[in-house]
């Protein structure tokens, strides 16, 4: 009987591992290319606390920042915690990402609870804020994408209202995630294709 109950568990783990590998592979390839072409690396990794509660804040929105955000989430929050401990990690992402087919698949199978930042959906934002609040009170981790559009001058965006509200009410530290080369430098909004320097 014990053998039968262990087999589905092993199959489930193998399936989760394979799925995570397939979802992480493109991110790893893109990260490798960033490192090779641009010398990309994350700064401030040493500022990440060992345990929650804390809020991770990406300072820069944009298409390339999407992959940076995924990379930071997987790398800095730890793969075991990211894949198995989804109950203590919650991420806010731009609502447009939920429309991309590849990302939809990843979001369905991700143990991290994902919420969309929909500017015109006050009930959804309020519920997400309260869930993030409860999570931080229970030593969880909230990962927050920048609110608003990418800036034309390449400067980081200001703190969003959700981030400020959560930080003030929970006293959780806000840890900004910075990268050595900004998305504006690689692919400004006014360029058709990314620059290779």
Protein backbone atom coordinates (compact mmCIF):
# COMPACT_ATOMS: atom_id res chain seq x y z
CA UNK A 1 0.00 0.00 0.00
CA UNK A 2 2.85 2.35 0.86
CA UNK A 3 4.45 1.68 -2.55
CA UNK A 4 1.24 2.66 -4.35
CA UNK A 5 0.93 5.97 -2.48
CA UNK A 6 4.58 6.82 -3.10
CA UNK A 7 4.38 6.28 -6.88
CA UNK A 8 1.86 9.11 -7.62
CA UNK A 9 3.87 11.39 -5.38
CA UNK A 10 7.06 10.58 -7.30
CA UNK A 11 5.27 11.02 -10.64
CA UNK A 12 3.83 14.32 -9.47
CA UNK A 13 7.29 15.52 -8.43
CA UNK A 14 8.81 14.39 -11.73
CA UNK A 15 6.03 16.17 -13.65
CA UNK A 16 6.51 19.35 -11.60
CA UNK A 17 10.29 19.19 -12.14
CA UNK A 18 9.89 18.72 -15.92
CA UNK A 19 7.34 21.51 -16.14
CA UNK A 20 9.58 23.86 -14.15
CA UNK A 21 12.51 22.94 -16.40
CA UNK A 22 10.53 23.74 -19.55
CA UNK A 23 9.33 27.05 -18.13
CA UNK A 24 12.75 28.05 -16.78
CA UNK A 25 14.70 27.09 -19.94
CA UNK A 26 13.78 30.18 -22.03
CA UNK A 27 14.48 32.45 -19.07
CA UNK A 28 17.90 30.85 -18.58
CA UNK A 29 18.72 31.19 -22.30
CA UNK A 30 17.68 34.86 -22.34
CA UNK A 31 19.61 35.52 -19.12
CA UNK A 32 22.70 33.87 -20.61
CA UNK A 33 22.41 36.05 -23.75
CA UNK A 34 22.01 39.17 -21.57
CA UNK A 35 25.15 38.23 -19.67
CA UNK A 36 27.07 37.51 -22.87
CA UNK A 37 26.00 40.61 -24.83
CA UNK A 38 25.40 43.20 -22.11
CA UNK A 39 27.23 41.91 -19.02
CA UNK A 40 23.90 41.64 -17.19
CA UNK A 41 23.83 40.84 -13.49
CA UNK A 42 21.56 41.59 -10.55
CA UNK A 43 22.84 44.03 -7.93
CA UNK A 44 21.66 44.03 -4.35
CA UNK A 45 21.24 40.27 -4.13
CA UNK A 46 23.11 40.36 -0.81
CA UNK A 47 20.37 42.62 0.62
CA UNK A 48 17.74 39.89 0.43
CA UNK A 49 16.74 38.77 3.94
CA UNK A 50 17.00 35.07 4.78
CA UNK A 51 13.35 34.92 5.89
CA UNK A 52 10.18 36.90 5.29
CA UNK A 53 8.38 39.15 5.65
CA UNK A 54 9.71 41.42 2.93
CA UNK A 55 8.66 42.96 -0.38
CA UNK A 56 10.76 42.58 -3.53
CA UNK A 57 10.30 45.54 -5.87
CA UNK A 58 11.44 45.58 -9.50
CA UNK A 59 12.43 49.13 -10.36
CA UNK A 60 11.93 49.05 -14.11
CA UNK A 61 8.97 48.01 -16.28
CA UNK A 62 9.17 46.98 -19.92
CA UNK A 63 9.30 43.92 -22.17
CA UNK A 64 12.82 42.92 -21.19
CA UNK A 65 12.04 43.57 -17.53
CA UNK A 66 9.50 40.75 -17.73
CA UNK A 67 12.28 38.21 -18.18
CA UNK A 68 14.42 39.96 -15.59
CA UNK A 69 11.54 39.75 -13.11
CA UNK A 70 11.10 36.03 -13.73
CA UNK A 71 14.85 35.46 -13.40
CA UNK A 72 15.03 37.38 -10.11
CA UNK A 73 11.98 35.62 -8.71
CA UNK A 74 13.40 32.17 -9.43
CA UNK A 75 17.00 32.95 -8.48
CA UNK A 76 16.65 35.20 -5.46
CA UNK A 77 13.67 33.59 -3.79
CA UNK A 78 15.24 30.16 -4.13
CA UNK A 79 14.04 27.42 -6.44
CA UNK A 80 12.80 25.14 -3.67
CA UNK A 81 10.73 27.86 -2.08
CA UNK A 82 9.56 29.07 -5.50
CA UNK A 83 8.45 25.65 -6.70
CA UNK A 84 7.25 24.00 -3.53
CA UNK A 85 6.39 26.78 -1.08
CA UNK A 86 3.93 28.79 -3.08
CA UNK A 87 1.81 29.51 -0.04
CA UNK A 88 4.36 32.02 1.31
CA UNK A 89 5.17 33.87 -1.95
CA UNK A 90 2.83 36.14 -3.91
CA UNK A 91 3.65 38.15 -7.03
CA UNK A 92 1.94 41.14 -8.65
CA UNK A 93 2.48 41.39 -12.43
CA UNK A 94 1.10 43.62 -15.17
CA UNK A 95 -2.26 42.37 -16.41
CA UNK A 96 -1.01 42.20 -20.02
CA UNK A 97 1.21 39.26 -19.09
CA UNK A 98 -1.83 37.13 -18.33
CA UNK A 99 -2.78 37.31 -22.04
CA UNK A 100 0.48 35.79 -23.35
CA UNK A 101 -0.14 32.08 -24.06
CA UNK A 102 3.29 30.85 -22.92
CA UNK A 103 3.07 32.84 -19.69
CA UNK A 104 -0.49 31.68 -19.05
CA UNK A 105 0.78 28.11 -18.93
CA UNK A 106 3.55 29.09 -16.54
CA UNK A 107 1.16 31.01 -14.33
CA UNK A 108 -1.24 28.08 -14.09
CA UNK A 109 1.44 25.70 -12.87
CA UNK A 110 3.45 28.15 -10.75
CA UNK A 111 3.24 27.61 -6.99
CA UNK A 112 3.62 31.36 -6.55
CA UNK A 113 0.25 33.07 -6.27
CA UNK A 114 0.09 35.54 -9.16
CA UNK A 115 -2.11 38.66 -9.26
CA UNK A 116 -2.66 41.10 -12.09
CA UNK A 117 -2.15 44.85 -11.66
CA UNK A 118 -5.30 45.99 -13.45
CA UNK A 119 -5.59 49.78 -13.12
CA UNK A 120 -9.37 49.92 -13.63
CA UNK A 121 -10.24 46.98 -11.39
CA UNK A 122 -10.49 48.38 -7.88
CA UNK A 123 -12.08 45.25 -6.32
CA UNK A 124 -9.35 42.99 -7.74
CA UNK A 125 -6.56 45.29 -6.56
CA UNK A 126 -8.13 45.64 -3.10
CA UNK A 127 -8.43 41.87 -2.73
CA UNK A 128 -4.83 41.40 -3.87
CA UNK A 129 -3.64 44.04 -1.41
CA UNK A 130 -5.45 42.39 1.48
CA UNK A 131 -4.10 38.95 0.53
CA UNK A 132 -0.59 40.41 0.33
CA UNK A 133 -1.15 42.09 3.70
CA UNK A 134 -2.16 38.79 5.34
CA UNK A 135 0.78 37.02 3.71
CA UNK A 136 3.29 39.57 5.02
CA UNK A 137 1.82 39.34 8.53
CA UNK A 138 2.51 35.58 8.31
CA UNK A 139 6.18 36.10 7.31
CA UNK A 140 5.51 35.73 3.59
CA UNK A 141 7.15 37.40 0.60
CA UNK A 142 5.44 39.73 -1.87
CA UNK A 143 7.07 40.28 -5.28
CA UNK A 144 5.90 43.50 -6.91
CA UNK A 145 6.24 44.65 -10.51
CA UNK A 146 6.38 48.40 -11.20
CA UNK A 147 3.00 50.05 -11.59
CA UNK A 148 2.53 52.20 -14.67
CA UNK A 149 4.18 52.42 -18.06
CA UNK A 150 7.87 52.34 -18.87
CA UNK A 151 9.39 55.82 -18.70
CA UNK A 152 10.66 57.54 -21.86
CA UNK A 153 13.88 58.67 -20.20
CA UNK A 154 14.82 55.29 -18.73
CA UNK A 155 14.47 56.33 -15.10
CA UNK A 156 13.03 53.81 -12.63
CA UNK A 157 9.35 54.18 -11.85
CA UNK A 158 8.17 55.54 -8.51
CA UNK A 159 6.71 53.31 -5.82
CA UNK A 160 3.19 52.22 -6.67
CA UNK A 161 0.29 52.70 -4.27
CA UNK A 162 0.01 48.98 -3.47
CA UNK A 163 3.68 48.74 -2.54
CA UNK A 164 3.52 51.80 -0.28
CA UNK A 165 0.29 50.66 1.36
CA UNK A 166 1.71 47.20 2.13
CA UNK A 167 5.02 48.59 3.39
CA UNK A 168 3.40 51.14 5.72
CA UNK A 169 0.85 48.76 7.19
CA UNK A 170 3.10 45.74 7.72
CA UNK A 171 6.49 47.41 8.38
CA UNK A 172 7.97 44.86 5.96
CA UNK A 173 11.24 46.01 4.38
CA UNK A 174 11.12 46.88 0.67
CA UNK A 175 14.06 45.39 -1.23
CA UNK A 176 14.61 46.99 -4.66
CA UNK A 177 15.98 44.67 -7.34
CA UNK A 178 18.37 46.55 -9.61
CA UNK A 179 20.11 45.30 -12.73
CA UNK A 180 23.43 46.42 -14.16
CA UNK A 181 21.98 47.42 -17.51
CA UNK A 182 18.53 48.90 -17.73
CA UNK A 183 15.78 47.89 -20.10
CA UNK A 184 15.83 51.43 -21.47
CA UNK A 185 19.47 50.96 -22.54
CA UNK A 186 18.72 47.68 -24.30
CA UNK A 187 15.33 48.46 -25.82
CA UNK A 188 14.05 52.04 -25.44
CA UNK A 189 10.37 52.57 -26.17
CA UNK A 190 11.17 54.64 -29.27
CA UNK A 191 13.26 51.87 -30.93
CA UNK A 192 11.74 49.17 -33.12
CA UNK A 193 14.31 46.51 -32.17
CA UNK A 194 16.64 46.09 -29.17
CA UNK A 195 20.14 47.48 -29.55
CA UNK A 196 23.15 45.18 -29.47
CA UNK A 197 26.18 46.97 -28.00
